[in-house]
Amino acid sequence: MNQQLNDGAFRLYQETLANAESWRVQIHKLANEATVVDFGVNTPGGIRAGLMLASICMSGRAEITLHPADATIGPWSQIQVATDDPVHACMASQYAGWPVKKDKFFAMGSGPMRTKRGKEHVLKSLNISDASPYAVGVLECDLLPDESIAELIAQECGVETENTVICVAPTRSIAGTVQVVARSVETSMHKLFELGFDLSSIVSGYGTAPFPPPALDFVQGIGRTNDAILYGGHVTLWVNAQDDQIQGIGPKVPSLASRDYGVPFARTFKKYDYDFYKVDPGLFSPAMLTIVNLKSGRSYRYGSLRPDIVSESFGESFVDLSHAAPV
């Protein structure tokens, strides 16, 4: 299935270029003509930058918005994602399936550049490719990539370096926090893929998760952004499937089905010596999943929100003085 996802992401990059100053984004043209877009490494970035970064990561195939807090979860604003093309927005674009590494540089790569590379199992299984001349991607890291990293990405994607756009934000930044928490629908899609569910039957997706305060260090930042989805995320998927298929697979999707469920992610991460590959992969999914079956008209809900764990994860940074006497 050929989808020119990188064309859509490139158009969003051009919009970012036009608004770089007001969104506090910095554009760097490298010596080899590749473009690096800094959303929060050496620049403040912000909410608008984060919403655009998340949109680029999803190739413009989803709407990402910020909404008021859900009182049942806590006092934190909600990041909402809606898509009518969940397979391409999430699995072909947003999923962080490419470890970009060279020498001492390492970052998880996501965005539609992955379809140009085409080496991941999920892309081969879904028969997704992209004939766009551009490669646009997102890296989660604290350092801006240099010419050698841009050359690596261009070569892997089979494009010219001048057509390579690399968007970068650390998880501890505002923009980086937004783009990670905007992955609520993607986590459910990936979990369903791993469980063998037919993703082509999923026609629309909607997800919400609380917007955590950006952390000052890497581990805390990873912890809060993961907890936002694992314990505060609620995803709704509209599908065309048999009810017994949904009933058989639904209980396995939410994070509570994992052996590592039940404590803030930073604590789990520390237990495994900060090695992601030791954490149960089944943990990375939303706290609650609602599946609406368009074929039968029935809806199913699995999992539950855990505001207590969200509060424990985010809470050390939150001081509630709403009832304090005026000075």
C-alpha atoms as a PDB file:
ATOM      1  CA  MET A   1       0.000   0.000   0.000  1.00  0.00           C
ATOM      2  CA  ASN A   2       1.742   3.163  -1.201  1.00  0.00           C
ATOM      3  CA  GLN A   3       0.984   6.251   0.860  1.00  0.00           C
ATOM      4  CA  GLN A   4       2.977   9.468   0.444  1.00  0.00           C
ATOM      5  CA  LEU A   5       3.016  10.115   4.175  1.00  0.00           C
ATOM      6  CA  ASN A   6       6.269  12.048   4.073  1.00  0.00           C
ATOM      7  CA  ASP A   7       4.695  14.596   1.726  1.00  0.00           C
ATOM      8  CA  GLY A   8       2.118  15.395   4.398  1.00  0.00           C
ATOM      9  CA  ALA A   9       4.785  15.676   7.092  1.00  0.00           C
ATOM     10  CA  PHE A  10       6.917  17.878   4.843  1.00  0.00           C
ATOM     11  CA  ARG A  11       4.021  20.312   4.361  1.00  0.00           C
ATOM     12  CA  LEU A  12       3.705  20.572   8.148  1.00  0.00           C
ATOM     13  CA  TYR A  13       7.463  21.226   8.375  1.00  0.00           C
ATOM     14  CA  GLN A  14       6.988  24.105   5.915  1.00  0.00           C
ATOM     15  CA  GLU A  15       4.251  25.500   8.173  1.00  0.00           C
ATOM     16  CA  THR A  16       6.641  25.182  11.114  1.00  0.00           C
ATOM     17  CA  LEU A  17       9.301  27.043   9.139  1.00  0.00           C
ATOM     18  CA  ALA A  18       6.881  29.906   8.573  1.00  0.00           C
ATOM     19  CA  ASN A  19       6.031  30.106  12.300  1.00  0.00           C
ATOM     20  CA  ALA A  20       9.396  29.171  13.820  1.00  0.00           C
ATOM     21  CA  GLU A  21       9.958  32.410  15.722  1.00  0.00           C
ATOM     22  CA  SER A  22       6.517  32.622  17.346  1.00  0.00           C
ATOM     23  CA  TRP A  23       6.556  28.887  18.200  1.00  0.00           C
ATOM     24  CA  ARG A  24      10.114  29.168  19.612  1.00  0.00           C
ATOM     25  CA  VAL A  25      11.451  26.571  17.181  1.00  0.00           C
ATOM     26  CA  GLN A  26      14.924  26.746  15.614  1.00  0.00           C
ATOM     27  CA  ILE A  27      15.721  25.570  12.078  1.00  0.00           C
ATOM     28  CA  HIS A  28      19.268  24.401  11.312  1.00  0.00           C
ATOM     29  CA  LYS A  29      20.550  23.715   7.802  1.00  0.00           C
ATOM     30  CA  LEU A  30      23.502  21.327   8.043  1.00  0.00           C
ATOM     31  CA  ALA A  31      26.561  21.397   5.795  1.00  0.00           C
ATOM     32  CA  ASN A  32      25.173  18.465   3.783  1.00  0.00           C
ATOM     33  CA  GLU A  33      21.876  20.381   3.245  1.00  0.00           C
ATOM     34  CA  ALA A  34      19.855  18.212   5.637  1.00  0.00           C
ATOM     35  CA  THR A  35      17.477  20.120   7.931  1.00  0.00           C
ATOM     36  CA  VAL A  36      17.343  19.730  11.712  1.00  0.00           C
ATOM     37  CA  VAL A  37      14.355  21.288  13.487  1.00  0.00           C
ATOM     38  CA  ASP A  38      14.933  21.937  17.187  1.00  0.00           C
ATOM     39  CA  PHE A  39      11.676  21.802  19.150  1.00  0.00           C
ATOM     40  CA  GLY A  40      13.216  21.900  22.629  1.00  0.00           C
ATOM     41  CA  VAL A  41      16.930  21.082  22.870  1.00  0.00           C
ATOM     42  CA  ASN A  42      18.492  24.552  22.660  1.00  0.00           C
ATOM     43  CA  THR A  43      15.235  26.471  22.434  1.00  0.00           C
ATOM     44  CA  PRO A  44      12.210  26.645  24.778  1.00  0.00           C
ATOM     45  CA  GLY A  45       9.679  25.344  22.274  1.00  0.00           C
ATOM     46  CA  GLY A  46       6.225  25.158  23.813  1.00  0.00           C
ATOM     47  CA  ILE A  47       2.671  23.884  23.468  1.00  0.00           C
ATOM     48  CA  ARG A  48       2.139  25.029  19.861  1.00  0.00           C
ATOM     49  CA  ALA A  49       5.490  23.506  18.927  1.00  0.00           C
ATOM     50  CA  GLY A  50       4.530  20.259  20.655  1.00  0.00           C
ATOM     51  CA  LEU A  51       1.171  19.999  18.907  1.00  0.00           C
ATOM     52  CA  MET A  52       2.879  20.547  15.554  1.00  0.00           C
ATOM     53  CA  LEU A  53       5.629  18.047  16.398  1.00  0.00           C
ATOM     54  CA  ALA A  54       2.990  15.432  17.208  1.00  0.00           C
ATOM     55  CA  SER A  55       1.165  16.236  13.963  1.00  0.00           C
ATOM     56  CA  ILE A  56       4.379  15.853  11.943  1.00  0.00           C
ATOM     57  CA  CYS A  57       5.008  12.541  13.695  1.00  0.00           C
ATOM     58  CA  MET A  58       1.555  11.373  12.554  1.00  0.00           C
ATOM     59  CA  SER A  59       2.025  12.696   8.985  1.00  0.00           C
ATOM     60  CA  GLY A  60      -0.889  15.088   9.401  1.00  0.00           C
ATOM     61  CA  ARG A  61      -3.291  12.129   9.557  1.00  0.00           C
ATOM     62  CA  ALA A  62      -4.623  13.060  13.015  1.00  0.00           C
ATOM     63  CA  GLU A  63      -5.831  16.074  14.956  1.00  0.00           C
ATOM     64  CA  ILE A  64      -3.998  16.676  18.240  1.00  0.00           C
ATOM     65  CA  THR A  65      -5.499  19.198  20.664  1.00  0.00           C
ATOM     66  CA  LEU A  66      -5.186  20.358  24.273  1.00  0.00           C
ATOM     67  CA  HIS A  67      -8.258  20.353  26.517  1.00  0.00           C
ATOM     68  CA  PRO A  68      -9.198  21.150  30.132  1.00  0.00           C
ATOM     69  CA  ALA A  69      -8.438  18.691  32.898  1.00  0.00           C
ATOM     70  CA  ASP A  70     -10.582  15.646  33.575  1.00  0.00           C
ATOM     71  CA  ALA A  71     -11.370  15.906  37.283  1.00  0.00           C
ATOM     72  CA  THR A  72     -11.589  12.121  37.602  1.00  0.00           C
ATOM     73  CA  ILE A  73      -7.882  11.862  36.776  1.00  0.00           C
ATOM     74  CA  GLY A  74      -6.442  15.038  38.268  1.00  0.00           C
ATOM     75  CA  PRO A  75      -5.757  18.735  37.695  1.00  0.00           C
ATOM     76  CA  TRP A  76      -3.729  18.234  34.522  1.00  0.00           C
ATOM     77  CA  SER A  77      -4.862  19.322  31.071  1.00  0.00           C
ATOM     78  CA  GLN A  78      -5.721  16.565  28.596  1.00  0.00           C
ATOM     79  CA  ILE A  79      -3.984  15.858  25.294  1.00  0.00           C
ATOM     80  CA  GLN A  80      -6.508  14.469  22.823  1.00  0.00           C
ATOM     81  CA  VAL A  81      -5.875  12.657  19.549  1.00  0.00           C
ATOM     82  CA  ALA A  82      -8.446  11.892  16.852  1.00  0.00           C
ATOM     83  CA  THR A  83      -7.790  10.079  13.589  1.00  0.00           C
ATOM     84  CA  ASP A  84      -9.797   8.504  10.794  1.00  0.00           C
ATOM     85  CA  ASP A  85      -6.662   6.866   9.403  1.00  0.00           C
ATOM     86  CA  PRO A  86      -5.220   5.111  12.463  1.00  0.00           C
ATOM     87  CA  VAL A  87      -3.087   2.554  10.610  1.00  0.00           C
ATOM     88  CA  HIS A  88      -1.095   5.168   8.677  1.00  0.00           C
ATOM     89  CA  ALA A  89      -1.155   7.846  11.373  1.00  0.00           C
ATOM     90  CA  CYS A  90      -0.001   5.483  14.115  1.00  0.00           C
ATOM     91  CA  MET A  91       1.707   2.356  12.816  1.00  0.00           C
ATOM     92  CA  ALA A  92       3.204   3.729   9.587  1.00  0.00           C
ATOM     93  CA  SER A  93       4.171   7.062  11.103  1.00  0.00           C
ATOM     94  CA  GLN A  94       4.051   7.613  14.848  1.00  0.00           C
ATOM     95  CA  TYR A  95       5.335   4.304  16.190  1.00  0.00           C
ATOM     96  CA  ALA A  96       8.926   4.675  17.464  1.00  0.00           C
ATOM     97  CA  GLY A  97      10.245   1.580  15.742  1.00  0.00           C
ATOM     98  CA  TRP A  98      13.656   2.763  14.520  1.00  0.00           C
ATOM     99  CA  PRO A  99      16.602   2.948  16.971  1.00  0.00           C
ATOM    100  CA  VAL A 100      18.807   5.549  15.257  1.00  0.00           C
ATOM    101  CA  LYS A 101      22.367   5.018  16.451  1.00  0.00           C
ATOM    102  CA  LYS A 102      25.914   5.734  15.383  1.00  0.00           C
ATOM    103  CA  ASP A 103      29.004   5.863  17.573  1.00  0.00           C
ATOM    104  CA  LYS A 104      27.788   7.448  20.850  1.00  0.00           C
ATOM    105  CA  PHE A 105      24.580   8.911  19.388  1.00  0.00           C
ATOM    106  CA  PHE A 106      21.298   7.120  20.118  1.00  0.00           C
ATOM    107  CA  ALA A 107      17.680   8.180  19.710  1.00  0.00           C
ATOM    108  CA  MET A 108      14.383   6.452  19.076  1.00  0.00           C
ATOM    109  CA  GLY A 109      13.171   7.403  15.633  1.00  0.00           C
ATOM    110  CA  SER A 110       9.534   7.810  14.680  1.00  0.00           C
ATOM    111  CA  GLY A 111       7.528   9.575  12.004  1.00  0.00           C
ATOM    112  CA  PRO A 112       6.944   8.701   8.346  1.00  0.00           C
ATOM    113  CA  MET A 113      10.672   8.467   7.516  1.00  0.00           C
ATOM    114  CA  ARG A 114      10.289   4.883   8.772  1.00  0.00           C
ATOM    115  CA  THR A 115       8.193   4.027   5.717  1.00  0.00           C
ATOM    116  CA  LYS A 116      11.043   5.133   3.434  1.00  0.00           C
ATOM    117  CA  ARG A 117      13.412   2.828   5.306  1.00  0.00           C
ATOM    118  CA  GLY A 118      10.839   0.026   5.291  1.00  0.00           C
ATOM    119  CA  LYS A 119      12.802  -2.468   7.390  1.00  0.00           C
ATOM    120  CA  GLU A 120      10.436  -2.893  10.335  1.00  0.00           C
ATOM    121  CA  HIS A 121       8.302  -5.991  10.715  1.00  0.00           C
ATOM    122  CA  VAL A 122       5.139  -3.970  11.244  1.00  0.00           C
ATOM    123  CA  LEU A 123       5.626  -2.059   7.975  1.00  0.00           C
ATOM    124  CA  LYS A 124       6.284  -5.242   6.019  1.00  0.00           C
ATOM    125  CA  SER A 125       3.281  -6.956   7.597  1.00  0.00           C
ATOM    126  CA  LEU A 126       0.976  -4.077   6.707  1.00  0.00           C
ATOM    127  CA  ASN A 127       2.529  -3.724   3.224  1.00  0.00           C
ATOM    128  CA  ILE A 128       3.138   0.002   3.659  1.00  0.00           C
ATOM    129  CA  SER A 129       5.562   1.969   1.490  1.00  0.00           C
ATOM    130  CA  ASP A 130       6.056   5.594   0.477  1.00  0.00           C
ATOM    131  CA  ALA A 131       7.162   7.008  -2.888  1.00  0.00           C
ATOM    132  CA  SER A 132       7.716  10.543  -1.548  1.00  0.00           C
ATOM    133  CA  PRO A 133      11.114  12.139  -2.307  1.00  0.00           C
ATOM    134  CA  TYR A 134      11.247  13.367   1.301  1.00  0.00           C
ATOM    135  CA  ALA A 135      12.139  11.670   4.578  1.00  0.00           C
ATOM    136  CA  VAL A 136      10.684  13.429   7.623  1.00  0.00           C
ATOM    137  CA  GLY A 137      11.164  12.027  11.095  1.00  0.00           C
ATOM    138  CA  VAL A 138      11.184  12.696  14.819  1.00  0.00           C
ATOM    139  CA  LEU A 139      13.985  11.879  17.248  1.00  0.00           C
ATOM    140  CA  GLU A 140      13.563  11.802  21.026  1.00  0.00           C
ATOM    141  CA  CYS A 141      16.925  12.915  22.419  1.00  0.00           C
ATOM    142  CA  ASP A 142      18.803  15.670  24.242  1.00  0.00           C
ATOM    143  CA  LEU A 143      21.316  16.318  21.448  1.00  0.00           C
ATOM    144  CA  LEU A 144      20.870  17.669  17.951  1.00  0.00           C
ATOM    145  CA  PRO A 145      22.056  15.220  15.272  1.00  0.00           C
ATOM    146  CA  ASP A 146      25.044  16.191  13.143  1.00  0.00           C
ATOM    147  CA  GLU A 147      25.806  15.614   9.463  1.00  0.00           C
ATOM    148  CA  SER A 148      26.803  11.980  10.012  1.00  0.00           C
ATOM    149  CA  ILE A 149      23.426  11.131  11.592  1.00  0.00           C
ATOM    150  CA  ALA A 150      21.562  12.990   8.848  1.00  0.00           C
ATOM    151  CA  GLU A 151      23.588  11.097   6.237  1.00  0.00           C
ATOM    152  CA  LEU A 152      22.774   7.806   7.961  1.00  0.00           C
ATOM    153  CA  ILE A 153      19.048   8.584   7.928  1.00  0.00           C
ATOM    154  CA  ALA A 154      19.119   9.735   4.295  1.00  0.00           C
ATOM    155  CA  GLN A 155      20.965   6.603   3.174  1.00  0.00           C
ATOM    156  CA  GLU A 156      18.663   4.270   5.123  1.00  0.00           C
ATOM    157  CA  CYS A 157      15.623   6.025   3.632  1.00  0.00           C
ATOM    158  CA  GLY A 158      17.013   6.195   0.098  1.00  0.00           C
ATOM    159  CA  VAL A 159      16.620   9.971  -0.263  1.00  0.00           C
ATOM    160  CA  GLU A 160      18.938  12.911  -0.839  1.00  0.00           C
ATOM    161  CA  THR A 161      20.211  14.644   2.291  1.00  0.00           C
ATOM    162  CA  GLU A 162      18.646  17.928   1.140  1.00  0.00           C
ATOM    163  CA  ASN A 163      15.265  16.189   1.304  1.00  0.00           C
ATOM    164  CA  THR A 164      15.839  14.947   4.862  1.00  0.00           C
ATOM    165  CA  VAL A 165      14.083  16.740   7.737  1.00  0.00           C
ATOM    166  CA  ILE A 166      14.856  15.644  11.303  1.00  0.00           C
ATOM    167  CA  CYS A 167      12.665  17.043  14.107  1.00  0.00           C
ATOM    168  CA  VAL A 168      14.150  16.792  17.600  1.00  0.00           C
ATOM    169  CA  ALA A 169      12.831  17.259  21.133  1.00  0.00           C
ATOM    170  CA  PRO A 170      13.898  15.816  24.489  1.00  0.00           C
ATOM    171  CA  THR A 171      11.201  14.180  26.601  1.00  0.00           C
ATOM    172  CA  ARG A 172      11.890  16.710  29.365  1.00  0.00           C
ATOM    173  CA  SER A 173      10.797  19.634  27.109  1.00  0.00           C
ATOM    174  CA  ILE A 174       7.240  20.927  26.732  1.00  0.00           C
ATOM    175  CA  ALA A 175       7.080  19.948  23.053  1.00  0.00           C
ATOM    176  CA  GLY A 176       8.669  16.575  23.720  1.00  0.00           C
ATOM    177  CA  THR A 177       6.162  15.851  26.476  1.00  0.00           C
ATOM    178  CA  VAL A 178       3.243  16.720  24.189  1.00  0.00           C
ATOM    179  CA  GLN A 179       4.395  14.492  21.337  1.00  0.00           C
ATOM    180  CA  VAL A 180       4.991  11.477  23.597  1.00  0.00           C
ATOM    181  CA  VAL A 181       1.650  11.746  25.409  1.00  0.00           C
ATOM    182  CA  ALA A 182      -0.071  12.125  22.018  1.00  0.00           C
ATOM    183  CA  ARG A 183       0.709   8.424  21.464  1.00  0.00           C
ATOM    184  CA  SER A 184      -2.330   7.070  23.328  1.00  0.00           C
ATOM    185  CA  VAL A 185      -4.043   5.669  20.221  1.00  0.00           C
ATOM    186  CA  GLU A 186      -0.750   4.382  18.833  1.00  0.00           C
ATOM    187  CA  THR A 187      -0.039   2.290  21.930  1.00  0.00           C
ATOM    188  CA  SER A 188      -3.390   0.524  21.606  1.00  0.00           C
ATOM    189  CA  MET A 189      -2.854  -0.055  17.887  1.00  0.00           C
ATOM    190  CA  HIS A 190       0.578  -1.557  18.461  1.00  0.00           C
ATOM    191  CA  LYS A 191      -0.702  -3.801  21.250  1.00  0.00           C
ATOM    192  CA  LEU A 192      -3.504  -5.063  19.011  1.00  0.00           C
ATOM    193  CA  PHE A 193      -1.008  -5.692  16.213  1.00  0.00           C
ATOM    194  CA  GLU A 194       1.174  -7.766  18.533  1.00  0.00           C
ATOM    195  CA  LEU A 195      -1.899  -9.727  19.629  1.00  0.00           C
ATOM    196  CA  GLY A 196      -2.747 -10.566  16.017  1.00  0.00           C
ATOM    197  CA  PHE A 197      -5.816  -8.347  15.581  1.00  0.00           C
ATOM    198  CA  ASP A 198      -6.607  -7.253  12.011  1.00  0.00           C
ATOM    199  CA  LEU A 199      -5.715  -3.546  12.049  1.00  0.00           C
ATOM    200  CA  SER A 200      -7.462  -2.950   8.729  1.00  0.00           C
ATOM    201  CA  SER A 201     -10.771  -3.421  10.588  1.00  0.00           C
ATOM    202  CA  ILE A 202     -10.070  -0.315  12.712  1.00  0.00           C
ATOM    203  CA  VAL A 203     -11.635   2.690  10.995  1.00  0.00           C
ATOM    204  CA  SER A 204     -11.201   5.477  13.575  1.00  0.00           C
ATOM    205  CA  GLY A 205      -9.428   6.156  16.849  1.00  0.00           C
ATOM    206  CA  TYR A 206      -9.678   8.675  19.656  1.00  0.00           C
ATOM    207  CA  GLY A 207      -7.543   8.957  22.766  1.00  0.00           C
ATOM    208  CA  THR A 208      -7.003  11.179  25.785  1.00  0.00           C
ATOM    209  CA  ALA A 209      -4.236  11.306  28.364  1.00  0.00           C
ATOM    210  CA  PRO A 210      -3.183  13.858  30.999  1.00  0.00           C
ATOM    211  CA  PHE A 211      -0.449  16.367  30.141  1.00  0.00           C
ATOM    212  CA  PRO A 212       2.248  15.877  32.800  1.00  0.00           C
ATOM    213  CA  PRO A 213       4.605  18.592  34.002  1.00  0.00           C
ATOM    214  CA  PRO A 214       7.925  18.272  32.120  1.00  0.00           C
ATOM    215  CA  ALA A 215      10.577  16.715  34.346  1.00  0.00           C
ATOM    216  CA  LEU A 216      14.109  17.940  34.951  1.00  0.00           C
ATOM    217  CA  ASP A 217      15.826  14.632  34.273  1.00  0.00           C
ATOM    218  CA  PHE A 218      15.531  11.852  31.696  1.00  0.00           C
ATOM    219  CA  VAL A 219      14.223   9.059  33.954  1.00  0.00           C
ATOM    220  CA  GLN A 220      11.549  11.209  35.548  1.00  0.00           C
ATOM    221  CA  GLY A 221      10.520  12.550  32.132  1.00  0.00           C
ATOM    222  CA  ILE A 222      10.209   9.037  30.702  1.00  0.00           C
ATOM    223  CA  GLY A 223       8.298   7.995  33.811  1.00  0.00           C
ATOM    224  CA  ARG A 224       5.700  10.748  33.718  1.00  0.00           C
ATOM    225  CA  THR A 225       5.017  10.584  29.984  1.00  0.00           C
ATOM    226  CA  ASN A 226       4.569   6.823  30.120  1.00  0.00           C
ATOM    227  CA  ASP A 227       2.364   6.985  33.218  1.00  0.00           C
ATOM    228  CA  ALA A 228       0.112   9.509  31.479  1.00  0.00           C
ATOM    229  CA  ILE A 229      -0.912   6.777  29.044  1.00  0.00           C
ATOM    230  CA  LEU A 230      -0.403   3.616  31.121  1.00  0.00           C
ATOM    231  CA  TYR A 231      -2.522   4.868  34.026  1.00  0.00           C
ATOM    232  CA  GLY A 232      -4.392   7.914  32.673  1.00  0.00           C
ATOM    233  CA  GLY A 233      -5.002   7.120  29.013  1.00  0.00           C
ATOM    234  CA  HIS A 234      -8.400   6.212  27.599  1.00  0.00           C
ATOM    235  CA  VAL A 235      -8.636   5.146  23.948  1.00  0.00           C
ATOM    236  CA  THR A 236     -11.759   4.486  21.892  1.00  0.00           C
ATOM    237  CA  LEU A 237     -11.518   2.518  18.649  1.00  0.00           C
ATOM    238  CA  TRP A 238     -14.298   2.060  16.086  1.00  0.00           C
ATOM    239  CA  VAL A 239     -13.961  -1.299  14.356  1.00  0.00           C
ATOM    240  CA  ASN A 240     -15.652  -3.679  11.949  1.00  0.00           C
ATOM    241  CA  ALA A 241     -15.187  -7.080  13.569  1.00  0.00           C
ATOM    242  CA  GLN A 242     -16.959 -10.029  15.101  1.00  0.00           C
ATOM    243  CA  ASP A 243     -18.012  -9.610  18.732  1.00  0.00           C
ATOM    244  CA  ASP A 244     -16.267 -12.807  19.766  1.00  0.00           C
ATOM    245  CA  GLN A 245     -12.990 -11.483  18.299  1.00  0.00           C
ATOM    246  CA  ILE A 246     -13.271  -8.372  20.428  1.00  0.00           C
ATOM    247  CA  GLN A 247     -14.256 -10.312  23.530  1.00  0.00           C
ATOM    248  CA  GLY A 248     -11.323 -12.660  23.106  1.00  0.00           C
ATOM    249  CA  ILE A 249      -8.640 -10.033  22.616  1.00  0.00           C
ATOM    250  CA  GLY A 250      -9.993  -6.953  24.450  1.00  0.00           C
ATOM    251  CA  PRO A 251      -8.994  -7.942  28.005  1.00  0.00           C
ATOM    252  CA  LYS A 252      -5.372  -8.411  26.867  1.00  0.00           C
ATOM    253  CA  VAL A 253      -4.944  -4.871  25.555  1.00  0.00           C
ATOM    254  CA  PRO A 254      -4.955  -2.469  28.559  1.00  0.00           C
ATOM    255  CA  SER A 255      -1.794  -1.966  30.592  1.00  0.00           C
ATOM    256  CA  LEU A 256      -3.260  -3.847  33.566  1.00  0.00           C
ATOM    257  CA  ALA A 257      -2.733  -7.086  31.621  1.00  0.00           C
ATOM    258  CA  SER A 258       1.037  -6.659  32.085  1.00  0.00           C
ATOM    259  CA  ARG A 259       3.113  -8.241  34.853  1.00  0.00           C
ATOM    260  CA  ASP A 260       4.776  -4.835  35.387  1.00  0.00           C
ATOM    261  CA  TYR A 261       1.497  -2.974  35.933  1.00  0.00           C
ATOM    262  CA  GLY A 262       0.730  -1.169  39.176  1.00  0.00           C
ATOM    263  CA  VAL A 263       3.595   1.209  40.018  1.00  0.00           C
ATOM    264  CA  PRO A 264       4.917   4.430  38.427  1.00  0.00           C
ATOM    265  CA  PHE A 265       7.017   3.654  35.375  1.00  0.00           C
ATOM    266  CA  ALA A 266      10.167   5.329  36.711  1.00  0.00           C
ATOM    267  CA  ARG A 267      10.215   2.752  39.499  1.00  0.00           C
ATOM    268  CA  THR A 268       9.800  -0.120  37.032  1.00  0.00           C
ATOM    269  CA  PHE A 269      12.514   1.364  34.806  1.00  0.00           C
ATOM    270  CA  LYS A 270      14.918   1.535  37.740  1.00  0.00           C
ATOM    271  CA  LYS A 271      14.129  -2.070  38.727  1.00  0.00           C
ATOM    272  CA  TYR A 272      15.346  -3.210  35.307  1.00  0.00           C
ATOM    273  CA  ASP A 273      18.533  -1.091  35.482  1.00  0.00           C
ATOM    274  CA  TYR A 274      17.073   1.445  33.029  1.00  0.00           C
ATOM    275  CA  ASP A 275      16.909  -1.111  30.219  1.00  0.00           C
ATOM    276  CA  PHE A 276      13.719  -0.684  28.175  1.00  0.00           C
ATOM    277  CA  TYR A 277      14.119  -4.124  26.660  1.00  0.00           C
ATOM    278  CA  LYS A 278      13.719  -5.775  30.071  1.00  0.00           C
ATOM    279  CA  VAL A 279      10.342  -4.120  30.716  1.00  0.00           C
ATOM    280  CA  ASP A 280       7.349  -6.246  29.737  1.00  0.00           C
ATOM    281  CA  PRO A 281       6.348  -4.965  26.261  1.00  0.00           C
ATOM    282  CA  GLY A 282       2.730  -5.600  27.189  1.00  0.00           C
ATOM    283  CA  LEU A 283       2.845  -2.712  29.661  1.00  0.00           C
ATOM    284  CA  PHE A 284       2.948  -0.079  26.920  1.00  0.00           C
ATOM    285  CA  SER A 285      -0.745   0.410  26.266  1.00  0.00           C
ATOM    286  CA  PRO A 286      -3.516   2.691  27.558  1.00  0.00           C
ATOM    287  CA  ALA A 287      -5.106   2.268  30.957  1.00  0.00           C
ATOM    288  CA  MET A 288      -8.569   1.884  29.457  1.00  0.00           C
ATOM    289  CA  LEU A 289      -9.829   0.819  26.043  1.00  0.00           C
ATOM    290  CA  THR A 290     -13.325   1.152  24.591  1.00  0.00           C
ATOM    291  CA  ILE A 291     -14.073  -0.727  21.385  1.00  0.00           C
ATOM    292  CA  VAL A 292     -17.160   0.251  19.404  1.00  0.00           C
ATOM    293  CA  ASN A 293     -18.154  -2.489  16.984  1.00  0.00           C
ATOM    294  CA  LEU A 294     -19.770  -0.941  13.911  1.00  0.00           C
ATOM    295  CA  LYS A 295     -20.764  -4.384  12.677  1.00  0.00           C
ATOM    296  CA  SER A 296     -22.898  -5.315  15.693  1.00  0.00           C
ATOM    297  CA  GLY A 297     -23.626  -1.965  17.341  1.00  0.00           C
ATOM    298  CA  ARG A 298     -22.163  -3.189  20.647  1.00  0.00           C
ATOM    299  CA  SER A 299     -19.441  -1.473  22.671  1.00  0.00           C
ATOM    300  CA  TYR A 300     -16.919  -3.036  25.030  1.00  0.00           C
ATOM    301  CA  ARG A 301     -14.739  -1.448  27.696  1.00  0.00           C
ATOM    302  CA  TYR A 302     -11.615  -2.937  29.243  1.00  0.00           C
ATOM    303  CA  GLY A 303      -9.202  -1.750  31.920  1.00  0.00           C
ATOM    304  CA  SER A 304      -9.585   1.212  34.249  1.00  0.00           C
ATOM    305  CA  LEU A 305      -8.042   4.580  34.943  1.00  0.00           C
ATOM    306  CA  ARG A 306      -5.667   4.825  37.889  1.00  0.00           C
ATOM    307  CA  PRO A 307      -5.651   8.443  39.099  1.00  0.00           C
ATOM    308  CA  ASP A 308      -3.842   7.329  42.246  1.00  0.00           C
ATOM    309  CA  ILE A 309      -0.775   6.226  40.270  1.00  0.00           C
ATOM    310  CA  VAL A 310      -0.963   9.280  37.984  1.00  0.00           C
ATOM    311  CA  SER A 311      -1.011  11.460  41.100  1.00  0.00           C
ATOM    312  CA  GLU A 312       1.944   9.572  42.585  1.00  0.00           C
ATOM    313  CA  SER A 313       3.900   9.989  39.354  1.00  0.00           C
ATOM    314  CA  PHE A 314       3.054  13.655  38.728  1.00  0.00           C
ATOM    315  CA  GLY A 315       2.227  14.664  42.293  1.00  0.00           C
ATOM    316  CA  GLU A 316       5.665  15.446  43.687  1.00  0.00           C
ATOM    317  CA  SER A 317       5.767  18.420  41.330  1.00  0.00           C
ATOM    318  CA  PHE A 318       2.292  19.689  42.240  1.00  0.00           C
ATOM    319  CA  VAL A 319       1.531  21.988  45.147  1.00  0.00           C
ATOM    320  CA  ASP A 320      -2.199  22.695  45.515  1.00  0.00           C
ATOM    321  CA  LEU A 321      -2.743  26.055  47.200  1.00  0.00           C
ATOM    322  CA  SER A 322      -6.304  26.495  45.970  1.00  0.00           C
ATOM    323  CA  HIS A 323      -7.661  26.530  49.532  1.00  0.00           C
ATOM    324  CA  ALA A 324      -4.843  28.501  51.102  1.00  0.00           C
ATOM    325  CA  ALA A 325      -5.753  31.688  52.949  1.00  0.00           C
ATOM    326  CA  PRO A 326      -4.725  34.894  51.130  1.00  0.00           C
ATOM    327  CA  VAL A 327      -1.621  36.624  52.450  1.00  0.00           C
END
